[in-house]
Amino acid sequence: MADTSETTTIPITVDFSGGLEMLFDSKRRHSISLPATDGSGKPANIAFLIDHLCRNLMKDPRAELFVLDNHIRPGILVLINDADWELEGEEAYEIQPRDNILFVSTLHGG
């Protein structure tokens, strides 16, 4: 079987809200083609998506507002197809075609 991992992608929609959109070119919704596998050949999961977003989509240099120690920063809710990611396996959830991933910051200045 031929290795097509380099060219195979998964179409997904990623949304940002609660101020996070400012880190991503001030756009709330992004339609992206995510590589189907990570660098080690494992199926793309949320952890891989987070890294991909930081490396390829984030326009603002303040990545620490989105990630902390390579994980989503506390205070950011993640919904996978309108369900809390805790119900879906959090960072281990394997991304499926046409998934909608929403990142919402609950942190507010005051």
N, C-alpha and C. Protein backbone atom coordinates (compact mmCIF):
# COMPACT_ATOMS: atom_id res chain seq x y z
N MET A 1 0.84 -1.18 0.00
CA MET A 1 0.00 0.00 0.00
C MET A 1 0.89 1.24 0.00
N ALA A 2 0.57 2.19 -0.84
CA ALA A 2 1.38 3.40 -0.97
C ALA A 2 1.17 4.32 0.23
N ASP A 3 2.25 5.00 0.63
CA ASP A 3 2.17 5.94 1.73
C ASP A 3 1.69 7.29 1.19
N THR A 4 0.47 7.68 1.55
CA THR A 4 -0.07 8.95 1.08
C THR A 4 -0.19 9.96 2.21
N SER A 5 0.44 9.67 3.34
CA SER A 5 0.29 10.53 4.52
C SER A 5 0.78 11.95 4.27
N GLU A 6 1.72 12.13 3.34
CA GLU A 6 2.25 13.47 3.10
C GLU A 6 1.24 14.36 2.39
N THR A 7 0.35 13.77 1.62
CA THR A 7 -0.58 14.58 0.84
C THR A 7 -2.01 14.50 1.33
N THR A 8 -2.34 13.55 2.19
CA THR A 8 -3.70 13.40 2.66
C THR A 8 -4.00 14.45 3.73
N THR A 9 -5.13 15.13 3.54
CA THR A 9 -5.53 16.14 4.51
C THR A 9 -6.97 15.90 4.94
N ILE A 10 -7.34 16.53 6.04
CA ILE A 10 -8.69 16.43 6.59
C ILE A 10 -9.28 17.85 6.58
N PRO A 11 -10.41 18.05 5.89
CA PRO A 11 -11.03 19.38 5.91
C PRO A 11 -11.80 19.58 7.21
N ILE A 12 -11.46 20.66 7.92
CA ILE A 12 -12.15 20.98 9.17
C ILE A 12 -12.39 22.49 9.25
N THR A 13 -13.24 22.86 10.17
CA THR A 13 -13.48 24.28 10.46
C THR A 13 -13.03 24.53 11.89
N VAL A 14 -12.27 25.60 12.07
CA VAL A 14 -11.81 26.00 13.40
C VAL A 14 -12.33 27.40 13.66
N ASP A 15 -13.00 27.56 14.79
CA ASP A 15 -13.54 28.86 15.18
C ASP A 15 -12.86 29.34 16.46
N PHE A 16 -12.70 30.66 16.57
CA PHE A 16 -12.12 31.28 17.76
C PHE A 16 -13.08 32.34 18.26
N SER A 17 -13.22 32.44 19.59
CA SER A 17 -14.14 33.40 20.18
C SER A 17 -13.57 33.89 21.51
N GLY A 18 -14.20 34.91 22.06
CA GLY A 18 -13.79 35.42 23.36
C GLY A 18 -12.49 36.19 23.34
N GLY A 19 -12.10 36.67 22.16
CA GLY A 19 -10.85 37.42 22.03
C GLY A 19 -9.73 36.62 21.37
N LEU A 20 -9.85 35.31 21.31
CA LEU A 20 -8.80 34.49 20.69
C LEU A 20 -8.63 34.78 19.20
N GLU A 21 -9.71 35.24 18.57
CA GLU A 21 -9.62 35.53 17.14
C GLU A 21 -8.54 36.57 16.83
N MET A 22 -8.23 37.41 17.82
CA MET A 22 -7.19 38.43 17.62
C MET A 22 -5.82 37.80 17.37
N LEU A 23 -5.61 36.60 17.89
CA LEU A 23 -4.34 35.91 17.68
C LEU A 23 -4.25 35.27 16.30
N PHE A 24 -5.41 35.12 15.66
CA PHE A 24 -5.48 34.39 14.39
C PHE A 24 -6.02 35.31 13.29
N ASP A 25 -5.27 36.38 13.04
CA ASP A 25 -5.56 37.30 11.95
C ASP A 25 -6.92 37.98 12.09
N SER A 26 -7.41 38.09 13.32
CA SER A 26 -8.70 38.73 13.61
C SER A 26 -9.86 38.08 12.86
N LYS A 27 -9.73 36.81 12.57
CA LYS A 27 -10.80 36.05 11.91
C LYS A 27 -11.35 35.02 12.88
N ARG A 28 -12.67 34.97 12.97
CA ARG A 28 -13.31 34.00 13.86
C ARG A 28 -13.31 32.60 13.27
N ARG A 29 -13.55 32.47 11.99
CA ARG A 29 -13.71 31.15 11.36
C ARG A 29 -12.61 30.91 10.33
N HIS A 30 -12.03 29.72 10.41
CA HIS A 30 -10.98 29.31 9.47
C HIS A 30 -11.34 27.92 8.94
N SER A 31 -11.39 27.78 7.64
CA SER A 31 -11.54 26.47 7.01
C SER A 31 -10.13 26.03 6.65
N ILE A 32 -9.71 24.92 7.24
CA ILE A 32 -8.34 24.47 6.99
C ILE A 32 -8.31 23.02 6.53
N SER A 33 -7.22 22.69 5.88
CA SER A 33 -6.94 21.31 5.49
C SER A 33 -5.80 20.85 6.38
N LEU A 34 -6.14 20.06 7.37
CA LEU A 34 -5.16 19.59 8.35
C LEU A 34 -4.50 18.32 7.83
N PRO A 35 -3.17 18.20 7.91
CA PRO A 35 -2.55 16.92 7.55
C PRO A 35 -3.21 15.79 8.33
N ALA A 36 -3.47 14.68 7.66
CA ALA A 36 -4.20 13.57 8.28
C ALA A 36 -3.39 12.84 9.35
N THR A 37 -2.06 13.01 9.30
CA THR A 37 -1.22 12.36 10.31
C THR A 37 -0.20 13.36 10.83
N ASP A 38 0.27 13.09 12.06
CA ASP A 38 1.30 13.94 12.63
C ASP A 38 2.67 13.51 12.12
N GLY A 39 3.71 14.10 12.62
CA GLY A 39 5.06 13.80 12.15
C GLY A 39 5.50 12.37 12.36
N SER A 40 4.88 11.68 13.32
CA SER A 40 5.26 10.28 13.57
C SER A 40 4.31 9.29 12.87
N GLY A 41 3.38 9.81 12.06
CA GLY A 41 2.49 8.93 11.32
C GLY A 41 1.21 8.56 12.04
N LYS A 42 1.00 9.09 13.23
CA LYS A 42 -0.23 8.81 13.98
C LYS A 42 -1.35 9.69 13.46
N PRO A 43 -2.61 9.23 13.56
CA PRO A 43 -3.73 10.05 13.09
C PRO A 43 -3.76 11.41 13.80
N ALA A 44 -4.12 12.43 13.04
CA ALA A 44 -4.19 13.79 13.59
C ALA A 44 -5.19 13.85 14.74
N ASN A 45 -4.76 14.44 15.85
CA ASN A 45 -5.65 14.61 17.00
C ASN A 45 -5.65 16.09 17.41
N ILE A 46 -6.36 16.40 18.47
CA ILE A 46 -6.46 17.79 18.90
C ILE A 46 -5.10 18.36 19.30
N ALA A 47 -4.27 17.57 19.95
CA ALA A 47 -2.92 18.04 20.32
C ALA A 47 -2.15 18.45 19.07
N PHE A 48 -2.23 17.64 18.02
CA PHE A 48 -1.56 17.97 16.76
C PHE A 48 -2.17 19.22 16.14
N LEU A 49 -3.50 19.36 16.21
CA LEU A 49 -4.17 20.54 15.68
C LEU A 49 -3.68 21.80 16.39
N ILE A 50 -3.58 21.75 17.71
CA ILE A 50 -3.13 22.92 18.47
C ILE A 50 -1.74 23.34 18.02
N ASP A 51 -0.84 22.39 17.88
CA ASP A 51 0.51 22.69 17.42
C ASP A 51 0.47 23.26 16.00
N HIS A 52 -0.33 22.65 15.14
CA HIS A 52 -0.47 23.11 13.76
C HIS A 52 -0.99 24.55 13.71
N LEU A 53 -1.98 24.86 14.53
CA LEU A 53 -2.53 26.21 14.57
C LEU A 53 -1.47 27.23 14.99
N CYS A 54 -0.70 26.88 16.01
CA CYS A 54 0.33 27.80 16.50
C CYS A 54 1.42 28.02 15.45
N ARG A 55 1.78 26.98 14.74
CA ARG A 55 2.86 27.08 13.76
C ARG A 55 2.43 27.70 12.43
N ASN A 56 1.19 27.46 12.03
CA ASN A 56 0.79 27.81 10.67
C ASN A 56 -0.31 28.87 10.56
N LEU A 57 -1.10 29.07 11.60
CA LEU A 57 -2.24 29.96 11.47
C LEU A 57 -2.15 31.18 12.38
N MET A 58 -1.46 31.05 13.50
CA MET A 58 -1.36 32.15 14.46
C MET A 58 -0.51 33.26 13.87
N LYS A 59 -1.08 34.47 13.84
CA LYS A 59 -0.37 35.64 13.32
C LYS A 59 0.27 36.47 14.42
N ASP A 60 -0.26 36.35 15.63
CA ASP A 60 0.22 37.13 16.77
C ASP A 60 1.37 36.38 17.45
N PRO A 61 2.43 37.05 17.86
CA PRO A 61 3.56 36.35 18.50
C PRO A 61 3.28 35.89 19.93
N ARG A 62 2.15 36.28 20.50
CA ARG A 62 1.85 35.95 21.90
C ARG A 62 1.17 34.58 22.03
N ALA A 63 1.85 33.53 21.64
CA ALA A 63 1.29 32.18 21.69
C ALA A 63 0.90 31.78 23.11
N GLU A 64 1.54 32.40 24.12
CA GLU A 64 1.25 32.05 25.52
C GLU A 64 -0.19 32.42 25.91
N LEU A 65 -0.87 33.21 25.09
CA LEU A 65 -2.27 33.51 25.36
C LEU A 65 -3.19 32.37 24.93
N PHE A 66 -2.63 31.43 24.15
CA PHE A 66 -3.40 30.29 23.64
C PHE A 66 -2.92 28.97 24.23
N VAL A 67 -1.61 28.82 24.36
CA VAL A 67 -1.04 27.58 24.90
C VAL A 67 -0.12 27.88 26.08
N LEU A 68 -0.01 26.90 26.96
CA LEU A 68 0.88 26.98 28.11
C LEU A 68 1.49 25.59 28.27
N ASP A 69 2.80 25.49 28.20
CA ASP A 69 3.50 24.20 28.28
C ASP A 69 2.96 23.21 27.25
N ASN A 70 2.76 23.69 26.03
CA ASN A 70 2.30 22.87 24.90
C ASN A 70 0.90 22.30 25.06
N HIS A 71 0.10 22.88 25.93
CA HIS A 71 -1.29 22.47 26.11
C HIS A 71 -2.16 23.72 26.07
N ILE A 72 -3.44 23.52 25.78
CA ILE A 72 -4.36 24.67 25.78
C ILE A 72 -4.31 25.34 27.15
N ARG A 73 -4.23 26.62 27.13
CA ARG A 73 -4.15 27.41 28.36
C ARG A 73 -5.42 27.23 29.19
N PRO A 74 -5.29 27.11 30.52
CA PRO A 74 -6.49 27.07 31.37
C PRO A 74 -7.35 28.31 31.11
N GLY A 75 -8.65 28.14 31.12
CA GLY A 75 -9.56 29.24 30.84
C GLY A 75 -10.02 29.29 29.41
N ILE A 76 -9.56 28.34 28.59
CA ILE A 76 -10.03 28.26 27.21
C ILE A 76 -10.88 27.00 27.08
N LEU A 77 -12.13 27.19 26.70
CA LEU A 77 -13.03 26.07 26.47
C LEU A 77 -12.83 25.57 25.05
N VAL A 78 -12.89 24.25 24.89
CA VAL A 78 -12.77 23.66 23.57
C VAL A 78 -14.01 22.81 23.32
N LEU A 79 -14.68 23.09 22.22
CA LEU A 79 -15.85 22.31 21.82
C LEU A 79 -15.54 21.61 20.51
N ILE A 80 -15.87 20.34 20.47
CA ILE A 80 -15.72 19.54 19.26
C ILE A 80 -17.13 19.20 18.79
N ASN A 81 -17.52 19.76 17.65
CA ASN A 81 -18.88 19.55 17.13
C ASN A 81 -19.92 19.85 18.19
N ASP A 82 -19.75 20.98 18.87
CA ASP A 82 -20.67 21.48 19.91
C ASP A 82 -20.68 20.66 21.20
N ALA A 83 -19.73 19.75 21.38
CA ALA A 83 -19.64 18.97 22.62
C ALA A 83 -18.33 19.33 23.33
N ASP A 84 -18.38 19.41 24.65
CA ASP A 84 -17.19 19.70 25.44
C ASP A 84 -16.13 18.65 25.12
N TRP A 85 -14.91 19.11 24.89
CA TRP A 85 -13.85 18.17 24.51
C TRP A 85 -13.54 17.16 25.59
N GLU A 86 -13.90 17.46 26.84
CA GLU A 86 -13.70 16.49 27.92
C GLU A 86 -14.51 15.22 27.69
N LEU A 87 -15.64 15.35 26.99
CA LEU A 87 -16.46 14.19 26.67
C LEU A 87 -15.92 13.41 25.48
N GLU A 88 -15.01 14.03 24.74
CA GLU A 88 -14.48 13.43 23.51
C GLU A 88 -13.05 12.91 23.64
N GLY A 89 -12.45 13.06 24.82
CA GLY A 89 -11.08 12.58 25.00
C GLY A 89 -10.03 13.68 24.99
N GLU A 90 -10.47 14.93 25.03
CA GLU A 90 -9.58 16.09 25.05
C GLU A 90 -8.55 16.04 23.92
N GLU A 91 -7.26 16.21 24.23
CA GLU A 91 -6.22 16.29 23.20
C GLU A 91 -6.05 15.00 22.40
N ALA A 92 -6.52 13.88 22.93
CA ALA A 92 -6.37 12.59 22.24
C ALA A 92 -7.43 12.36 21.16
N TYR A 93 -8.47 13.20 21.13
CA TYR A 93 -9.53 13.02 20.15
C TYR A 93 -8.96 13.05 18.73
N GLU A 94 -9.27 12.02 17.94
CA GLU A 94 -8.80 11.96 16.56
C GLU A 94 -9.74 12.75 15.66
N ILE A 95 -9.18 13.69 14.96
CA ILE A 95 -9.95 14.60 14.11
C ILE A 95 -10.57 13.84 12.94
N GLN A 96 -11.83 14.17 12.68
CA GLN A 96 -12.58 13.55 11.58
C GLN A 96 -12.89 14.62 10.52
N PRO A 97 -13.08 14.19 9.28
CA PRO A 97 -13.44 15.17 8.24
C PRO A 97 -14.69 15.96 8.61
N ARG A 98 -14.64 17.24 8.33
CA ARG A 98 -15.73 18.19 8.57
C ARG A 98 -16.02 18.44 10.04
N ASP A 99 -15.11 18.09 10.93
CA ASP A 99 -15.27 18.45 12.34
C ASP A 99 -15.26 19.97 12.46
N ASN A 100 -15.96 20.46 13.46
CA ASN A 100 -15.91 21.88 13.80
C ASN A 100 -15.33 21.98 15.21
N ILE A 101 -14.19 22.65 15.32
CA ILE A 101 -13.50 22.81 16.59
C ILE A 101 -13.61 24.28 16.98
N LEU A 102 -14.13 24.54 18.18
CA LEU A 102 -14.32 25.90 18.66
C LEU A 102 -13.47 26.11 19.90
N PHE A 103 -12.68 27.17 19.90
CA PHE A 103 -11.88 27.58 21.04
C PHE A 103 -12.47 28.89 21.57
N VAL A 104 -12.87 28.90 22.85
CA VAL A 104 -13.48 30.08 23.44
C VAL A 104 -12.70 30.47 24.70
N SER A 105 -12.20 31.70 24.71
CA SER A 105 -11.54 32.19 25.90
C SER A 105 -12.58 32.67 26.91
N THR A 106 -12.42 32.23 28.14
CA THR A 106 -13.30 32.70 29.21
C THR A 106 -12.57 33.69 30.09
N LEU A 107 -11.35 34.04 29.70
CA LEU A 107 -10.54 34.97 30.49
C LEU A 107 -10.86 36.40 30.08
N HIS A 108 -11.11 37.23 31.07
CA HIS A 108 -11.46 38.62 30.80
C HIS A 108 -10.59 39.52 31.67
N GLY A 109 -10.13 40.59 31.07
CA GLY A 109 -9.37 41.58 31.84
C GLY A 109 -10.29 42.36 32.74
N GLY A 110 -9.74 43.01 33.76
CA GLY A 110 -10.64 43.75 34.63
C GLY A 110 -9.95 44.77 35.44
